[in-house]
């Protein structure tokens, strides 16, 4: 039987941690935040336990109650998404194995595509981040001009 358990993304986890950090900064407990923000306690609890993600309206109410701009909470969440220890903890919690380490991964090359890392165990967020950080190498590799090889690869796509 298939599991309906949802694995939270690193982004949703980081947003939850950012909210919890802001709560700690204000010495505010969940029930107090729920009352001050107008977000029902059950909803806030589900957000903090990663059973749901806060929508913009809820995040706005939460940030107002914490007397912090949304941008500060979001920036904290974005910074967490770049933190190697945070990423490693999130991967371990979700059974995803060790964090792909950029220093161990050779960059894509126009001359030899065998140096492109195997991203099969990476989440979509990690794959996108890797490609975004190495766009120049992927761009060169894509434009190497071997039309016959590019056609063969295209035809082999599922």
N, C-alpha and C. Protein backbone atom coordinates (compact mmCIF):
# COMPACT_ATOMS: atom_id res chain seq x y z
N UNK A 1 0.85 -1.18 0.00
CA UNK A 1 0.00 0.00 0.00
C UNK A 1 0.89 1.24 0.00
N UNK A 2 0.55 2.21 -0.80
CA UNK A 2 1.34 3.43 -0.91
C UNK A 2 1.18 4.30 0.34
N UNK A 3 2.27 4.95 0.68
CA UNK A 3 2.24 5.84 1.84
C UNK A 3 1.78 7.22 1.41
N UNK A 4 0.97 7.84 2.24
CA UNK A 4 0.51 9.20 1.93
C UNK A 4 1.33 10.23 2.71
N UNK A 5 2.36 9.77 3.41
CA UNK A 5 3.19 10.70 4.17
C UNK A 5 3.90 11.65 3.22
N UNK A 6 3.82 12.91 3.55
CA UNK A 6 4.42 13.94 2.73
C UNK A 6 5.80 14.28 3.30
N UNK A 7 6.81 14.28 2.44
CA UNK A 7 8.13 14.70 2.87
C UNK A 7 8.23 16.19 2.65
N UNK A 8 8.44 16.95 3.73
CA UNK A 8 8.53 18.40 3.57
C UNK A 8 9.77 18.78 2.77
N UNK A 9 9.66 19.82 1.98
CA UNK A 9 10.81 20.30 1.23
C UNK A 9 11.75 21.04 2.18
N UNK A 10 12.94 21.25 1.72
CA UNK A 10 13.90 21.99 2.54
C UNK A 10 13.42 23.43 2.73
N UNK A 11 12.70 23.95 1.74
CA UNK A 11 12.17 25.32 1.84
C UNK A 11 11.09 25.42 2.92
N UNK A 12 10.18 24.43 2.96
CA UNK A 12 9.13 24.48 3.98
C UNK A 12 9.73 24.28 5.37
N UNK A 13 10.73 23.41 5.47
CA UNK A 13 11.41 23.19 6.75
C UNK A 13 12.11 24.47 7.20
N UNK A 14 12.79 25.14 6.28
CA UNK A 14 13.53 26.36 6.65
C UNK A 14 12.58 27.48 7.06
N UNK A 15 11.41 27.57 6.41
CA UNK A 15 10.43 28.59 6.79
C UNK A 15 9.91 28.32 8.20
N UNK A 16 9.65 27.07 8.50
CA UNK A 16 9.19 26.71 9.84
C UNK A 16 10.24 27.05 10.89
N UNK A 17 11.49 26.72 10.60
CA UNK A 17 12.56 27.03 11.54
C UNK A 17 12.72 28.54 11.70
N UNK A 18 12.58 29.29 10.60
CA UNK A 18 12.68 30.75 10.68
C UNK A 18 11.56 31.32 11.57
N UNK A 19 10.36 30.78 11.45
CA UNK A 19 9.25 31.23 12.30
C UNK A 19 9.55 30.89 13.76
N UNK A 20 10.04 29.68 14.01
CA UNK A 20 10.37 29.27 15.38
C UNK A 20 11.48 30.15 15.96
N UNK A 21 12.45 30.52 15.14
CA UNK A 21 13.52 31.41 15.61
C UNK A 21 12.96 32.77 15.99
N UNK A 22 12.06 33.27 15.14
CA UNK A 22 11.45 34.57 15.42
C UNK A 22 10.61 34.50 16.70
N UNK A 23 9.94 33.37 16.91
CA UNK A 23 9.17 33.19 18.15
C UNK A 23 10.12 33.21 19.35
N UNK A 24 11.24 32.53 19.24
CA UNK A 24 12.21 32.50 20.34
C UNK A 24 12.77 33.90 20.61
N UNK A 25 12.99 34.64 19.56
CA UNK A 25 13.49 36.01 19.69
C UNK A 25 12.52 36.87 20.50
N UNK A 26 11.23 36.64 20.32
CA UNK A 26 10.19 37.40 21.01
C UNK A 26 9.69 36.68 22.27
N UNK A 27 10.32 35.54 22.58
CA UNK A 27 9.92 34.74 23.73
C UNK A 27 8.42 34.45 23.69
N UNK A 28 7.96 33.97 22.53
CA UNK A 28 6.54 33.74 22.30
C UNK A 28 6.29 32.25 22.08
N UNK A 29 5.30 31.74 22.74
CA UNK A 29 4.92 30.34 22.59
C UNK A 29 3.84 30.24 21.51
N UNK A 30 3.63 29.03 20.98
CA UNK A 30 2.66 28.87 19.89
C UNK A 30 1.25 29.39 20.21
N UNK A 31 0.73 29.09 21.40
CA UNK A 31 -0.62 29.57 21.73
C UNK A 31 -0.68 31.10 21.75
N UNK A 32 0.38 31.73 22.28
CA UNK A 32 0.43 33.20 22.30
C UNK A 32 0.48 33.76 20.88
N UNK A 33 1.29 33.13 20.03
CA UNK A 33 1.40 33.59 18.64
C UNK A 33 0.08 33.40 17.91
N UNK A 34 -0.59 32.29 18.16
CA UNK A 34 -1.89 32.05 17.51
C UNK A 34 -2.88 33.14 17.92
N UNK A 35 -2.92 33.44 19.19
CA UNK A 35 -3.85 34.47 19.67
C UNK A 35 -3.50 35.85 19.11
N UNK A 36 -2.21 36.20 19.14
CA UNK A 36 -1.78 37.52 18.67
C UNK A 36 -1.93 37.68 17.16
N UNK A 37 -1.78 36.58 16.43
CA UNK A 37 -1.82 36.66 14.96
C UNK A 37 -3.21 36.45 14.38
N UNK A 38 -4.06 35.77 15.12
CA UNK A 38 -5.38 35.44 14.58
C UNK A 38 -5.36 34.18 13.73
N UNK A 39 -4.19 33.53 13.64
CA UNK A 39 -4.10 32.24 12.94
C UNK A 39 -4.53 31.18 13.94
N UNK A 40 -5.53 30.35 13.60
CA UNK A 40 -5.99 29.34 14.55
C UNK A 40 -4.82 28.49 15.06
N UNK A 41 -4.89 28.15 16.35
CA UNK A 41 -3.82 27.38 16.97
C UNK A 41 -3.55 26.08 16.23
N UNK A 42 -4.60 25.37 15.84
CA UNK A 42 -4.43 24.10 15.11
C UNK A 42 -3.67 24.30 13.81
N UNK A 43 -3.98 25.37 13.11
CA UNK A 43 -3.29 25.67 11.84
C UNK A 43 -1.83 26.00 12.12
N UNK A 44 -1.60 26.84 13.12
CA UNK A 44 -0.22 27.22 13.48
C UNK A 44 0.57 25.99 13.90
N UNK A 45 -0.04 25.11 14.67
CA UNK A 45 0.63 23.89 15.10
C UNK A 45 1.01 23.03 13.89
N UNK A 46 0.09 22.90 12.92
CA UNK A 46 0.39 22.12 11.71
C UNK A 46 1.53 22.76 10.92
N UNK A 47 1.58 24.09 10.89
CA UNK A 47 2.68 24.78 10.21
C UNK A 47 3.99 24.47 10.92
N UNK A 48 4.00 24.58 12.23
CA UNK A 48 5.23 24.37 13.00
C UNK A 48 5.68 22.91 13.02
N UNK A 49 4.75 21.99 12.80
CA UNK A 49 5.09 20.56 12.75
C UNK A 49 5.31 20.07 11.33
N UNK A 50 5.30 20.99 10.37
CA UNK A 50 5.52 20.68 8.95
C UNK A 50 4.45 19.79 8.33
N UNK A 51 3.22 19.90 8.84
CA UNK A 51 2.11 19.17 8.24
C UNK A 51 1.40 20.01 7.20
N UNK A 52 1.74 21.29 7.14
CA UNK A 52 1.23 22.20 6.13
C UNK A 52 2.22 23.35 6.02
N UNK A 53 2.06 24.15 4.98
CA UNK A 53 2.94 25.31 4.78
C UNK A 53 2.09 26.56 4.91
N UNK A 54 2.63 27.56 5.57
CA UNK A 54 1.92 28.83 5.73
C UNK A 54 1.71 29.49 4.37
N UNK A 55 0.50 29.98 4.14
CA UNK A 55 0.28 30.77 2.93
C UNK A 55 0.65 32.23 3.23
N UNK A 56 0.60 33.08 2.22
CA UNK A 56 1.04 34.46 2.40
C UNK A 56 0.25 35.19 3.49
N UNK A 57 -1.06 35.00 3.49
CA UNK A 57 -1.90 35.69 4.47
C UNK A 57 -1.53 35.26 5.90
N UNK A 58 -1.36 33.96 6.09
CA UNK A 58 -0.98 33.46 7.42
C UNK A 58 0.40 33.97 7.82
N UNK A 59 1.35 33.94 6.87
CA UNK A 59 2.70 34.42 7.17
C UNK A 59 2.69 35.91 7.49
N UNK A 60 1.85 36.65 6.81
CA UNK A 60 1.72 38.08 7.08
C UNK A 60 1.21 38.32 8.49
N UNK A 61 0.18 37.57 8.89
CA UNK A 61 -0.37 37.70 10.25
C UNK A 61 0.66 37.30 11.30
N UNK A 62 1.39 36.22 11.02
CA UNK A 62 2.42 35.75 11.95
C UNK A 62 3.53 36.78 12.09
N UNK A 63 3.98 37.33 10.97
CA UNK A 63 5.07 38.32 11.04
C UNK A 63 4.61 39.60 11.74
N UNK A 64 3.36 40.00 11.53
CA UNK A 64 2.82 41.17 12.24
C UNK A 64 2.81 40.92 13.75
N UNK A 65 2.37 39.74 14.14
CA UNK A 65 2.30 39.40 15.57
C UNK A 65 3.70 39.33 16.18
N UNK A 66 4.68 38.93 15.38
CA UNK A 66 6.06 38.85 15.86
C UNK A 66 6.78 40.20 15.74
N UNK A 67 6.09 41.17 15.16
CA UNK A 67 6.65 42.51 14.96
C UNK A 67 7.95 42.46 14.15
N UNK A 68 7.90 41.63 13.10
CA UNK A 68 9.02 41.48 12.17
C UNK A 68 8.47 41.56 10.75
N UNK A 69 9.20 42.16 9.83
CA UNK A 69 8.75 42.13 8.45
C UNK A 69 8.83 40.71 7.87
N UNK A 70 7.91 40.41 6.99
CA UNK A 70 7.93 39.09 6.34
C UNK A 70 9.29 38.86 5.71
N UNK A 71 9.84 39.91 5.11
CA UNK A 71 11.12 39.77 4.40
C UNK A 71 12.22 39.24 5.32
N UNK A 72 12.18 39.60 6.59
CA UNK A 72 13.21 39.12 7.52
C UNK A 72 13.05 37.63 7.79
N UNK A 73 11.81 37.19 7.93
CA UNK A 73 11.55 35.76 8.15
C UNK A 73 11.94 34.97 6.90
N UNK A 74 11.56 35.48 5.74
CA UNK A 74 11.88 34.80 4.48
C UNK A 74 13.39 34.77 4.26
N UNK A 75 14.08 35.87 4.55
CA UNK A 75 15.53 35.91 4.38
C UNK A 75 16.21 34.90 5.29
N UNK A 76 15.73 34.78 6.52
CA UNK A 76 16.28 33.78 7.43
C UNK A 76 16.08 32.38 6.85
N UNK A 77 14.89 32.13 6.31
CA UNK A 77 14.60 30.82 5.70
C UNK A 77 15.52 30.57 4.51
N UNK A 78 15.73 31.58 3.67
CA UNK A 78 16.60 31.42 2.50
C UNK A 78 18.04 31.16 2.93
N UNK A 79 18.49 31.85 3.97
CA UNK A 79 19.85 31.63 4.47
C UNK A 79 20.01 30.20 4.99
N UNK A 80 18.98 29.69 5.66
CA UNK A 80 19.03 28.32 6.16
C UNK A 80 19.15 27.32 5.01
N UNK A 81 18.47 27.59 3.90
CA UNK A 81 18.51 26.68 2.75
C UNK A 81 19.91 26.58 2.15
N UNK A 82 20.77 27.53 2.46
CA UNK A 82 22.15 27.53 1.95
C UNK A 82 23.14 27.00 2.97
N UNK A 83 22.69 26.77 4.19
CA UNK A 83 23.57 26.33 5.27
C UNK A 83 23.82 24.82 5.14
N UNK A 84 25.08 24.44 5.01
CA UNK A 84 25.44 23.02 4.79
C UNK A 84 24.97 22.12 5.93
N UNK A 85 25.09 22.59 7.17
CA UNK A 85 24.65 21.77 8.31
C UNK A 85 23.13 21.58 8.29
N UNK A 86 22.41 22.65 7.98
CA UNK A 86 20.95 22.57 7.90
C UNK A 86 20.53 21.59 6.80
N UNK A 87 21.18 21.70 5.65
CA UNK A 87 20.88 20.81 4.52
C UNK A 87 21.16 19.36 4.90
N UNK A 88 22.31 19.13 5.53
CA UNK A 88 22.68 17.76 5.94
C UNK A 88 21.66 17.20 6.93
N UNK A 89 21.24 18.01 7.90
CA UNK A 89 20.24 17.56 8.88
C UNK A 89 18.92 17.22 8.19
N UNK A 90 18.48 18.09 7.27
CA UNK A 90 17.23 17.86 6.56
C UNK A 90 17.30 16.58 5.73
N UNK A 91 18.42 16.38 5.04
CA UNK A 91 18.58 15.16 4.23
C UNK A 91 18.55 13.92 5.12
N UNK A 92 19.22 13.98 6.26
CA UNK A 92 19.24 12.84 7.17
C UNK A 92 17.84 12.55 7.71
N UNK A 93 17.11 13.59 8.12
CA UNK A 93 15.75 13.43 8.63
C UNK A 93 14.84 12.75 7.61
N UNK A 94 15.10 12.99 6.33
CA UNK A 94 14.24 12.47 5.27
C UNK A 94 14.85 11.28 4.54
N UNK A 95 15.91 10.70 5.12
CA UNK A 95 16.51 9.49 4.57
C UNK A 95 17.09 9.67 3.18
N UNK A 96 17.66 10.83 2.90
CA UNK A 96 18.18 11.11 1.56
C UNK A 96 19.68 10.92 1.43
N UNK A 97 20.33 10.43 2.47
CA UNK A 97 21.76 10.19 2.38
C UNK A 97 22.58 11.45 2.53
N UNK A 98 23.88 11.33 2.33
CA UNK A 98 24.76 12.49 2.53
C UNK A 98 24.51 13.58 1.50
N UNK A 99 24.86 14.79 1.88
CA UNK A 99 24.72 15.95 1.01
C UNK A 99 25.72 15.88 -0.12
N UNK A 100 25.27 16.08 -1.35
CA UNK A 100 26.24 16.15 -2.45
C UNK A 100 27.19 17.32 -2.17
N UNK A 101 28.48 17.05 -2.21
CA UNK A 101 29.48 18.07 -1.90
C UNK A 101 30.08 18.58 -3.19
N UNK A 102 29.95 19.87 -3.42
CA UNK A 102 30.43 20.50 -4.63
C UNK A 102 31.92 20.28 -4.84
N UNK A 103 32.69 20.16 -3.77
CA UNK A 103 34.13 19.99 -3.92
C UNK A 103 34.46 18.61 -4.47
N UNK A 104 33.57 17.64 -4.28
CA UNK A 104 33.80 16.29 -4.78
C UNK A 104 33.22 16.07 -6.17
N UNK A 105 32.53 17.06 -6.71
CA UNK A 105 31.84 16.92 -7.97
C UNK A 105 32.57 17.71 -9.04
N UNK A 106 32.98 17.04 -10.08
CA UNK A 106 33.63 17.74 -11.19
C UNK A 106 32.56 18.50 -11.97
N UNK A 107 32.96 19.61 -12.55
CA UNK A 107 32.02 20.44 -13.29
C UNK A 107 31.75 19.87 -14.68
N UNK A 108 30.62 20.24 -15.24
CA UNK A 108 30.28 19.83 -16.59
C UNK A 108 31.30 20.42 -17.55
N UNK A 109 31.57 19.71 -18.60
CA UNK A 109 32.59 20.15 -19.54
C UNK A 109 32.10 19.95 -20.97
N UNK A 110 32.47 20.88 -21.84
CA UNK A 110 32.11 20.75 -23.25
C UNK A 110 32.89 19.61 -23.88
N UNK A 111 34.06 19.31 -23.38
CA UNK A 111 34.91 18.27 -23.97
C UNK A 111 34.53 16.87 -23.50
N UNK A 112 34.05 16.74 -22.28
CA UNK A 112 33.80 15.42 -21.72
C UNK A 112 32.62 15.47 -20.77
N UNK A 113 31.47 14.93 -21.20
CA UNK A 113 30.29 15.00 -20.35
C UNK A 113 30.28 13.95 -19.25
N UNK A 114 31.32 13.13 -19.15
CA UNK A 114 31.38 12.13 -18.09
C UNK A 114 31.65 12.77 -16.73
N UNK A 115 32.02 14.07 -16.70
CA UNK A 115 32.29 14.72 -15.43
C UNK A 115 31.06 15.38 -14.85
N UNK A 116 29.93 15.27 -15.51
CA UNK A 116 28.69 15.80 -14.95
C UNK A 116 28.30 14.88 -13.80
N UNK A 117 27.97 15.44 -12.64
CA UNK A 117 27.67 14.59 -11.49
C UNK A 117 26.39 13.77 -11.68
N UNK A 118 26.36 12.63 -11.04
CA UNK A 118 25.15 11.81 -11.01
C UNK A 118 24.21 12.44 -10.00
N UNK A 119 23.11 13.01 -10.46
CA UNK A 119 22.19 13.71 -9.58
C UNK A 119 20.97 12.87 -9.23
N UNK A 120 21.03 11.57 -9.49
CA UNK A 120 19.85 10.73 -9.29
C UNK A 120 19.36 10.70 -7.85
N UNK A 121 20.23 10.87 -6.87
CA UNK A 121 19.80 10.86 -5.48
C UNK A 121 19.50 12.25 -4.93
N UNK A 122 19.60 13.25 -5.77
CA UNK A 122 19.41 14.63 -5.33
C UNK A 122 17.94 15.03 -5.47
N UNK A 123 17.49 15.91 -4.60
CA UNK A 123 16.13 16.42 -4.74
C UNK A 123 16.09 17.40 -5.90
N UNK A 124 14.90 17.73 -6.36
CA UNK A 124 14.76 18.69 -7.46
C UNK A 124 15.35 20.04 -7.09
N UNK A 125 15.18 20.45 -5.83
CA UNK A 125 15.75 21.72 -5.37
C UNK A 125 17.28 21.70 -5.47
N UNK A 126 17.89 20.58 -5.07
CA UNK A 126 19.35 20.47 -5.12
C UNK A 126 19.85 20.45 -6.56
N UNK A 127 19.14 19.74 -7.43
CA UNK A 127 19.53 19.72 -8.84
C UNK A 127 19.45 21.11 -9.45
N UNK A 128 18.36 21.80 -9.18
CA UNK A 128 18.19 23.16 -9.72
C UNK A 128 19.26 24.10 -9.19
N UNK A 129 19.57 23.98 -7.89
CA UNK A 129 20.60 24.84 -7.30
C UNK A 129 21.96 24.56 -7.92
N UNK A 130 22.28 23.27 -8.14
CA UNK A 130 23.57 22.93 -8.73
C UNK A 130 23.67 23.50 -10.14
N UNK A 131 22.63 23.29 -10.94
CA UNK A 131 22.65 23.80 -12.31
C UNK A 131 22.75 25.33 -12.31
N UNK A 132 22.00 25.98 -11.42
CA UNK A 132 22.04 27.45 -11.36
C UNK A 132 23.43 27.95 -11.00
N UNK A 133 24.11 27.26 -10.11
CA UNK A 133 25.46 27.67 -9.70
C UNK A 133 26.52 27.37 -10.76
N UNK A 134 26.21 26.46 -11.68
CA UNK A 134 27.19 26.05 -12.69
C UNK A 134 26.64 26.26 -14.10
N UNK A 135 25.83 27.31 -14.27
CA UNK A 135 25.16 27.54 -15.54
C UNK A 135 26.15 27.67 -16.70
N UNK A 136 27.28 28.31 -16.45
CA UNK A 136 28.23 28.49 -17.54
C UNK A 136 28.74 27.15 -18.07
N UNK A 137 28.97 26.17 -17.19
CA UNK A 137 29.43 24.88 -17.66
C UNK A 137 28.33 24.12 -18.40
N UNK A 138 27.11 24.20 -17.90
CA UNK A 138 26.02 23.50 -18.57
C UNK A 138 25.71 24.16 -19.91
N UNK A 139 25.81 25.47 -19.95
CA UNK A 139 25.56 26.20 -21.19
C UNK A 139 26.57 25.80 -22.26
N UNK A 140 27.86 25.73 -21.88
CA UNK A 140 28.90 25.35 -22.83
C UNK A 140 28.67 23.92 -23.30
N UNK A 141 28.37 23.02 -22.36
CA UNK A 141 28.17 21.62 -22.72
C UNK A 141 26.98 21.47 -23.67
N UNK A 142 25.96 22.26 -23.47
CA UNK A 142 24.78 22.16 -24.32
C UNK A 142 25.05 22.69 -25.72
N UNK A 143 25.99 23.60 -25.85
CA UNK A 143 26.26 24.23 -27.15
C UNK A 143 27.54 23.71 -27.79
N UNK A 144 27.90 22.48 -27.48
CA UNK A 144 29.17 21.99 -28.01
C UNK A 144 29.13 21.73 -29.51
N UNK A 145 27.96 21.69 -30.10
CA UNK A 145 27.86 21.62 -31.55
C UNK A 145 27.85 20.24 -32.15
N UNK A 146 27.82 19.20 -31.36
CA UNK A 146 27.77 17.84 -31.89
C UNK A 146 26.30 17.50 -32.15
N UNK A 147 25.80 17.93 -33.29
CA UNK A 147 24.37 17.80 -33.59
C UNK A 147 23.92 16.35 -33.64
N UNK A 148 24.76 15.47 -34.20
CA UNK A 148 24.38 14.06 -34.28
C UNK A 148 24.21 13.47 -32.88
N UNK A 149 25.13 13.78 -31.99
CA UNK A 149 25.05 13.26 -30.61
C UNK A 149 23.86 13.87 -29.88
N UNK A 150 23.65 15.18 -30.08
CA UNK A 150 22.50 15.82 -29.44
C UNK A 150 21.20 15.20 -29.92
N UNK A 151 21.10 14.88 -31.21
CA UNK A 151 19.89 14.26 -31.76
C UNK A 151 19.69 12.88 -31.15
N UNK A 152 20.77 12.11 -31.05
CA UNK A 152 20.69 10.76 -30.46
C UNK A 152 20.20 10.85 -29.02
N UNK A 153 20.78 11.78 -28.24
CA UNK A 153 20.36 11.95 -26.85
C UNK A 153 18.89 12.34 -26.77
N UNK A 154 18.46 13.23 -27.65
CA UNK A 154 17.07 13.67 -27.66
C UNK A 154 16.15 12.49 -27.96
N UNK A 155 16.51 11.66 -28.91
CA UNK A 155 15.68 10.51 -29.29
C UNK A 155 15.61 9.47 -28.17
N UNK A 156 16.66 9.41 -27.34
CA UNK A 156 16.69 8.45 -26.25
C UNK A 156 15.87 8.89 -25.04
N UNK A 157 15.39 10.13 -25.05
CA UNK A 157 14.58 10.61 -23.93
C UNK A 157 13.29 9.81 -23.83
N UNK A 158 12.79 9.60 -22.60
CA UNK A 158 11.55 8.82 -22.44
C UNK A 158 10.36 9.54 -23.01
